[in-house]
């Protein structure tokens, strides 16, 4: 009797089973490891985040560990530099490095390396990047502007007008930073001034390395008749150090020597109208992200001078910044000015040592 069944060799069965298992395992690994190919830059710049997401748009600039990126759908974004895995530019970028070298070209950044594509293919460590600017450098690309205004108006049995404004202009280049800051407070009750303070400060920092910088010139002008200061100006030079410089926190300290001259608003007949002095200036600036929408900041400058000029003075601004939109924020700030030995006026009355102001600002940043 014939057996119609077909006998399959045992070895062939084992081989087929192993092949099937291997193909299933490979298919599972491929499915989990598969990712879409990286987009090639054409008319847009591309940025990949640590989450794996790709953003299409236009690179504006990178400075102080923050990349400004203009997305068609998400508008202008401020991205932490550490959250960026890859960056591909469609057009030329101007890259400033820590050693002062500036290189221009199309950029491809991947993990720890930056490459310039086209012409001479050059490669640098990503950690040495200090700044990025898009396209051919323009003067406007180097500037940042921050303006804040706080006001309080009251009418009725009494009339009160109170206003405080703060404006900051910063010019940033690869190895240089210049800043101008103006702070003014005015308060009037029933037409009588009870506060009138103005302060203008400026400084030029030139970075020797990523942490160390020197200040060829810094200066300050101050006026406050209620502290018996008709005008006070100082100028000097010094150096500084970045203690912390991350995307979440920055902290720097500075020290310098200065010359200061003060003209008093009111004096007794036998008193000199001005006082001049050398000075030792110490300052610190601290900024940290408490949340994605709230920051804490502190700026504190100390000035040690002779007795005629007040012995010791300081100016401090600290507070919280709440981000409302990409352009507008709300600032709650404490301003503290102190003169250790205020100069008496023509009637022999000494101003108080301390002036405090708690101000709510509506801020605009560009």
Protein backbone atom coordinates (compact mmCIF):
# COMPACT_ATOMS: atom_id res chain seq x y z
CA UNK A 1 0.00 0.00 0.00
CA UNK A 2 1.37 3.41 -1.01
CA UNK A 3 1.69 6.14 1.62
CA UNK A 4 0.42 9.40 0.06
CA UNK A 5 1.85 11.61 2.84
CA UNK A 6 5.05 13.49 2.10
CA UNK A 7 7.81 13.14 4.62
CA UNK A 8 9.80 16.28 5.37
CA UNK A 9 13.28 15.78 6.70
CA UNK A 10 13.64 16.69 10.37
CA UNK A 11 16.62 18.96 9.64
CA UNK A 12 14.60 21.02 7.16
CA UNK A 13 11.83 21.50 9.73
CA UNK A 14 14.30 22.75 12.37
CA UNK A 15 15.91 25.14 9.86
CA UNK A 16 12.52 26.54 8.83
CA UNK A 17 11.49 27.11 12.46
CA UNK A 18 14.74 28.89 13.30
CA UNK A 19 14.45 31.05 10.18
CA UNK A 20 10.90 32.04 11.10
CA UNK A 21 11.90 32.95 14.66
CA UNK A 22 14.87 35.00 13.46
CA UNK A 23 12.72 36.90 10.97
CA UNK A 24 10.16 37.72 13.67
CA UNK A 25 12.83 38.96 16.08
CA UNK A 26 14.47 41.06 13.35
CA UNK A 27 11.12 42.51 12.33
CA UNK A 28 10.39 43.52 15.96
CA UNK A 29 13.79 45.14 16.38
CA UNK A 30 13.45 46.96 13.07
CA UNK A 31 10.01 48.23 13.99
CA UNK A 32 11.21 49.66 17.30
CA UNK A 33 14.45 51.10 15.92
CA UNK A 34 13.07 52.59 12.72
CA UNK A 35 13.01 56.37 12.43
CA UNK A 36 12.20 58.63 9.49
CA UNK A 37 15.24 59.91 7.61
CA UNK A 38 16.50 63.34 8.74
CA UNK A 39 15.08 66.20 6.66
CA UNK A 40 17.51 67.89 4.33
CA UNK A 41 17.70 71.68 4.56
CA UNK A 42 16.29 73.39 1.47
CA UNK A 43 14.51 76.68 2.04
CA UNK A 44 14.22 76.12 5.79
CA UNK A 45 16.44 75.44 8.78
CA UNK A 46 15.81 72.29 10.80
CA UNK A 47 16.31 71.59 14.49
CA UNK A 48 15.89 68.24 16.24
CA UNK A 49 15.12 68.14 19.97
CA UNK A 50 16.12 65.48 22.49
CA UNK A 51 12.52 64.21 22.29
CA UNK A 52 13.13 63.25 18.66
CA UNK A 53 10.88 65.99 17.27
CA UNK A 54 11.98 68.02 14.25
CA UNK A 55 11.18 71.74 13.94
CA UNK A 56 11.12 73.54 10.60
CA UNK A 57 11.64 77.28 10.39
CA UNK A 58 14.36 79.91 10.62
CA UNK A 59 17.29 80.19 13.00
CA UNK A 60 17.50 83.71 14.41
CA UNK A 61 20.42 83.56 16.85
CA UNK A 62 21.99 81.64 19.72
CA UNK A 63 23.58 83.32 22.74
CA UNK A 64 23.92 82.45 26.41
CA UNK A 65 22.80 78.85 25.87
CA UNK A 66 19.47 79.83 24.26
CA UNK A 67 18.54 79.42 20.58
CA UNK A 68 15.92 81.76 19.13
CA UNK A 69 14.02 79.87 16.42
CA UNK A 70 11.15 81.16 14.26
CA UNK A 71 8.67 78.39 13.44
CA UNK A 72 5.89 78.99 10.88
CA UNK A 73 3.28 77.37 13.13
CA UNK A 74 4.72 77.81 16.65
CA UNK A 75 6.10 81.34 16.04
CA UNK A 76 9.28 82.46 17.84
CA UNK A 77 10.63 79.86 20.27
CA UNK A 78 13.39 80.13 22.86
CA UNK A 79 15.02 76.69 22.96
CA UNK A 80 17.57 75.58 25.52
CA UNK A 81 20.83 74.71 23.78
CA UNK A 82 21.18 71.46 25.72
CA UNK A 83 17.80 70.26 24.34
CA UNK A 84 19.00 70.42 20.74
CA UNK A 85 20.45 67.22 19.25
CA UNK A 86 20.87 68.28 15.62
CA UNK A 87 20.81 71.55 13.70
CA UNK A 88 20.85 71.89 9.91
CA UNK A 89 20.94 75.32 8.29
CA UNK A 90 19.68 76.08 4.79
CA UNK A 91 21.74 79.24 4.50
CA UNK A 92 25.02 80.56 5.88
CA UNK A 93 25.46 81.09 9.62
CA UNK A 94 28.02 83.19 11.46
CA UNK A 95 29.50 81.18 14.34
CA UNK A 96 31.58 82.79 17.07
CA UNK A 97 33.92 80.52 19.03
CA UNK A 98 35.42 80.90 22.50
CA UNK A 99 38.91 81.64 21.16
CA UNK A 100 37.60 84.62 19.18
CA UNK A 101 37.55 82.91 15.77
CA UNK A 102 34.50 83.64 13.60
CA UNK A 103 33.51 81.19 10.85
CA UNK A 104 30.74 81.58 8.27
CA UNK A 105 29.01 78.88 6.24
CA UNK A 106 26.19 76.35 6.12
CA UNK A 107 26.12 74.48 9.41
CA UNK A 108 25.47 70.88 10.39
CA UNK A 109 25.53 70.23 14.14
CA UNK A 110 25.21 66.67 15.38
CA UNK A 111 25.72 65.63 19.00
CA UNK A 112 29.15 67.04 20.01
CA UNK A 113 30.36 68.24 16.60
CA UNK A 114 29.73 71.22 14.33
CA UNK A 115 30.62 71.01 10.62
CA UNK A 116 30.70 73.73 7.99
CA UNK A 117 29.50 72.40 4.63
CA UNK A 118 30.47 73.86 1.28
CA UNK A 119 33.82 75.22 0.22
CA UNK A 120 36.29 74.17 2.88
CA UNK A 121 34.76 71.44 5.04
CA UNK A 122 35.75 72.32 8.62
CA UNK A 123 34.85 70.64 11.89
CA UNK A 124 34.89 71.93 15.50
CA UNK A 125 33.76 70.71 18.93
CA UNK A 126 30.25 71.90 19.69
CA UNK A 127 31.27 72.88 23.25
CA UNK A 128 33.42 75.73 21.85
CA UNK A 129 30.47 77.55 20.24
CA UNK A 130 29.81 80.92 21.86
CA UNK A 131 27.23 82.47 19.52
CA UNK A 132 25.28 81.88 16.31
CA UNK A 133 23.84 84.54 14.00
CA UNK A 134 21.92 83.89 10.81
CA UNK A 135 23.14 85.10 7.41
CA UNK A 136 25.47 87.97 6.73
CA UNK A 137 26.06 89.85 9.98
CA UNK A 138 23.88 92.94 10.43
CA UNK A 139 24.23 95.45 13.22
CA UNK A 140 20.63 94.92 14.39
CA UNK A 141 21.33 91.20 14.91
CA UNK A 142 23.73 92.04 17.75
CA UNK A 143 21.21 93.99 19.83
CA UNK A 144 18.69 92.95 22.50
CA UNK A 145 16.22 95.44 23.97
CA UNK A 146 14.26 95.11 27.20
CA UNK A 147 11.86 97.83 28.36
CA UNK A 148 9.60 97.85 31.44
CA UNK A 149 7.07 100.32 32.83
CA UNK A 150 5.29 100.44 36.15
CA UNK A 151 2.75 103.16 36.99
CA UNK A 152 0.25 104.04 39.70
CA UNK A 153 -2.34 106.83 39.31
CA UNK A 154 -4.71 107.96 42.04
CA UNK A 155 -7.37 110.68 42.01
CA UNK A 156 -9.97 111.79 44.56
CA UNK A 157 -9.30 113.46 47.90
CA UNK A 158 -5.64 113.33 46.96
CA UNK A 159 -3.87 113.07 43.63
CA UNK A 160 -0.88 110.80 43.25
CA UNK A 161 1.24 109.99 40.21
CA UNK A 162 3.92 107.32 40.53
CA UNK A 163 5.94 105.87 37.66
CA UNK A 164 9.02 103.69 37.35
CA UNK A 165 10.65 102.75 34.08
CA UNK A 166 13.59 100.52 33.23
CA UNK A 167 15.22 100.12 29.83
CA UNK A 168 18.13 97.82 28.96
CA UNK A 169 20.06 97.80 25.67
CA UNK A 170 22.59 95.00 25.13
CA UNK A 171 24.95 94.55 22.19
CA UNK A 172 26.42 91.05 21.89
CA UNK A 173 29.20 89.88 19.62
CA UNK A 174 31.38 86.78 19.65
CA UNK A 175 33.76 88.01 22.34
CA UNK A 176 32.29 91.36 23.38
CA UNK A 177 29.25 92.55 25.28
CA UNK A 178 28.18 96.17 25.77
CA UNK A 179 25.18 97.11 27.88
CA UNK A 180 23.29 100.29 28.72
CA UNK A 181 20.66 100.45 31.46
CA UNK A 182 18.41 103.32 32.47
CA UNK A 183 16.26 103.26 35.62
CA UNK A 184 14.03 106.14 36.68
CA UNK A 185 11.40 106.61 39.42
CA UNK A 186 9.08 109.57 39.87
CA UNK A 187 6.39 110.15 42.52
CA UNK A 188 4.19 113.19 43.02
CA UNK A 189 1.41 113.69 45.61
CA UNK A 190 -0.92 116.67 45.15
CA UNK A 191 1.62 118.26 42.83
CA UNK A 192 4.53 117.91 45.28
CA UNK A 193 7.47 115.71 44.33
CA UNK A 194 8.27 113.02 46.87
CA UNK A 195 10.62 110.93 44.70
CA UNK A 196 12.78 111.72 41.69
CA UNK A 197 15.58 109.26 40.97
CA UNK A 198 17.46 108.52 37.74
CA UNK A 199 20.33 106.12 37.13
CA UNK A 200 22.23 105.30 33.93
CA UNK A 201 24.84 102.52 33.90
CA UNK A 202 27.00 101.14 31.13
CA UNK A 203 29.71 98.54 30.75
CA UNK A 204 31.87 96.86 28.16
CA UNK A 205 32.89 93.24 28.76
CA UNK A 206 35.53 91.55 26.62
CA UNK A 207 35.75 87.78 27.09
CA UNK A 208 39.17 86.19 27.37
CA UNK A 209 37.63 82.71 27.67
CA UNK A 210 34.21 81.25 28.26
CA UNK A 211 34.38 82.15 31.97
CA UNK A 212 36.88 85.00 32.27
CA UNK A 213 36.29 88.52 30.97
CA UNK A 214 37.74 91.92 31.59
CA UNK A 215 35.94 95.25 31.56
CA UNK A 216 37.95 97.97 29.80
CA UNK A 217 35.32 100.53 30.79
CA UNK A 218 32.28 100.80 33.01
CA UNK A 219 30.44 103.89 34.15
CA UNK A 220 27.44 105.21 36.04
CA UNK A 221 25.49 108.46 36.32
CA UNK A 222 23.00 108.97 39.15
CA UNK A 223 20.67 111.72 40.31
CA UNK A 224 18.45 111.79 43.40
CA UNK A 225 17.78 115.18 45.09
CA UNK A 226 16.04 113.40 47.97
CA UNK A 227 19.38 111.72 48.77
CA UNK A 228 21.03 115.14 48.34
CA UNK A 229 22.63 114.06 45.07
CA UNK A 230 22.29 116.60 42.26
CA UNK A 231 24.51 114.38 40.09
CA UNK A 232 27.04 111.64 40.62
CA UNK A 233 29.17 109.99 37.98
CA UNK A 234 31.87 107.33 38.08
CA UNK A 235 34.06 105.50 35.59
CA UNK A 236 36.47 102.61 35.94
CA UNK A 237 37.80 99.27 34.72
CA UNK A 238 37.94 95.75 36.12
CA UNK A 239 37.53 92.05 35.45
CA UNK A 240 34.95 89.32 36.04
CA UNK A 241 34.29 85.60 36.15
CA UNK A 242 31.31 83.45 35.15
CA UNK A 243 30.78 81.14 38.13
CA UNK A 244 27.82 79.35 36.52
CA UNK A 245 26.74 79.46 32.89
CA UNK A 246 24.03 76.96 31.98
CA UNK A 247 20.72 77.17 30.15
CA UNK A 248 18.88 77.30 33.51
CA UNK A 249 21.22 79.43 35.60
CA UNK A 250 23.86 82.15 35.20
CA UNK A 251 25.95 83.72 37.94
CA UNK A 252 28.84 86.11 37.44
CA UNK A 253 30.93 88.31 39.71
CA UNK A 254 32.98 91.43 38.88
CA UNK A 255 35.52 93.66 40.61
CA UNK A 256 37.10 96.93 39.54
CA UNK A 257 38.60 100.28 40.48
CA UNK A 258 36.85 103.54 39.69
CA UNK A 259 36.92 107.31 40.09
CA UNK A 260 33.76 109.01 41.37
CA UNK A 261 32.64 112.63 41.62
CA UNK A 262 29.49 113.81 43.41
CA UNK A 263 27.80 117.20 43.25
CA UNK A 264 25.44 117.74 46.17
CA UNK A 265 21.97 119.21 45.75
CA UNK A 266 22.04 121.29 48.96
CA UNK A 267 24.95 122.17 51.26
CA UNK A 268 25.84 124.47 54.13
CA UNK A 269 27.83 127.58 53.25
CA UNK A 270 31.12 126.26 54.59
CA UNK A 271 30.75 122.84 52.95
CA UNK A 272 32.32 121.97 49.55
CA UNK A 273 29.78 121.57 46.76
CA UNK A 274 31.43 118.42 45.35
CA UNK A 275 33.29 115.36 46.58
CA UNK A 276 35.62 113.14 44.58
CA UNK A 277 37.07 109.77 45.48
CA UNK A 278 38.66 106.60 44.16
CA UNK A 279 36.41 103.60 44.60
CA UNK A 280 36.43 99.83 44.85
CA UNK A 281 33.47 98.38 42.94
CA UNK A 282 32.16 94.85 43.45
CA UNK A 283 29.10 93.45 41.71
CA UNK A 284 27.24 90.21 41.16
CA UNK A 285 24.52 89.16 38.74
CA UNK A 286 22.42 86.02 39.20
CA UNK A 287 19.58 84.62 37.10
CA UNK A 288 17.84 81.26 37.30
CA UNK A 289 14.76 79.56 35.84
CA UNK A 290 12.42 78.51 38.67
CA UNK A 291 9.88 77.10 36.20
CA UNK A 292 9.35 77.29 32.44
CA UNK A 293 7.42 80.56 32.95
CA UNK A 294 9.02 82.12 36.06
CA UNK A 295 12.58 83.42 36.60
CA UNK A 296 14.41 84.83 39.61
CA UNK A 297 17.08 87.51 39.09
CA UNK A 298 19.43 89.57 41.24
CA UNK A 299 21.76 92.46 40.33
CA UNK A 300 23.79 93.96 43.19
CA UNK A 301 26.57 96.55 42.96
CA UNK A 302 28.70 97.63 45.94
CA UNK A 303 30.87 100.75 45.96
CA UNK A 304 33.46 101.53 48.66
CA UNK A 305 34.45 105.22 48.66
CA UNK A 306 35.80 107.88 51.04
CA UNK A 307 33.80 109.38 53.90
CA UNK A 308 32.87 112.59 52.05
CA UNK A 309 31.26 110.50 49.30
CA UNK A 310 29.29 108.25 51.65
CA UNK A 311 31.82 105.60 52.78
CA UNK A 312 29.79 102.75 51.27
CA UNK A 313 26.91 102.67 48.78
CA UNK A 314 25.04 99.93 47.01
CA UNK A 315 22.32 99.53 44.39
CA UNK A 316 20.29 96.31 44.20
CA UNK A 317 17.47 95.08 41.97
CA UNK A 318 15.96 91.65 42.59
CA UNK A 319 12.67 89.97 41.87
CA UNK A 320 10.61 87.56 39.82
CA UNK A 321 9.79 87.62 36.12
CA UNK A 322 6.63 85.91 34.87
CA UNK A 323 6.48 85.17 31.15
CA UNK A 324 3.12 86.21 29.68
CA UNK A 325 3.94 85.79 25.98
CA UNK A 326 7.12 85.52 23.92
CA UNK A 327 7.39 89.33 23.88
CA UNK A 328 5.72 90.45 27.12
CA UNK A 329 6.34 89.58 30.75
CA UNK A 330 5.36 90.74 34.23
CA UNK A 331 8.11 91.73 36.67
CA UNK A 332 7.79 92.04 40.45
CA UNK A 333 10.97 93.85 41.56
CA UNK A 334 12.49 95.12 44.80
CA UNK A 335 14.91 98.07 44.42
CA UNK A 336 17.18 98.90 47.37
CA UNK A 337 19.57 101.87 47.43
CA UNK A 338 21.80 102.56 50.44
CA UNK A 339 24.30 105.26 51.41
CA UNK A 340 26.18 104.44 54.60
CA UNK A 341 26.87 108.09 55.44
CA UNK A 342 24.50 110.46 53.57
CA UNK A 343 25.62 114.07 53.14
CA UNK A 344 23.57 116.58 55.17
CA UNK A 345 21.73 119.36 53.34
CA UNK A 346 21.93 123.12 53.94
CA UNK A 347 19.76 122.82 57.06
CA UNK A 348 21.91 120.06 58.56
CA UNK A 349 19.34 117.31 57.88
CA UNK A 350 20.77 113.98 56.77
CA UNK A 351 18.74 111.86 54.32
CA UNK A 352 17.84 108.36 55.42
CA UNK A 353 20.41 105.69 54.61
CA UNK A 354 18.03 103.34 52.79
CA UNK A 355 15.50 103.75 50.00
CA UNK A 356 13.23 100.80 49.13
CA UNK A 357 10.84 100.44 46.22
CA UNK A 358 8.60 97.50 45.40
CA UNK A 359 7.56 97.85 41.75
CA UNK A 360 5.38 95.85 39.39
CA UNK A 361 6.57 96.22 35.79
CA UNK A 362 5.00 95.26 32.50
CA UNK A 363 7.99 94.33 30.36
CA UNK A 364 8.68 94.04 26.64
CA UNK A 365 11.69 92.16 25.25
CA UNK A 366 12.99 92.17 21.68
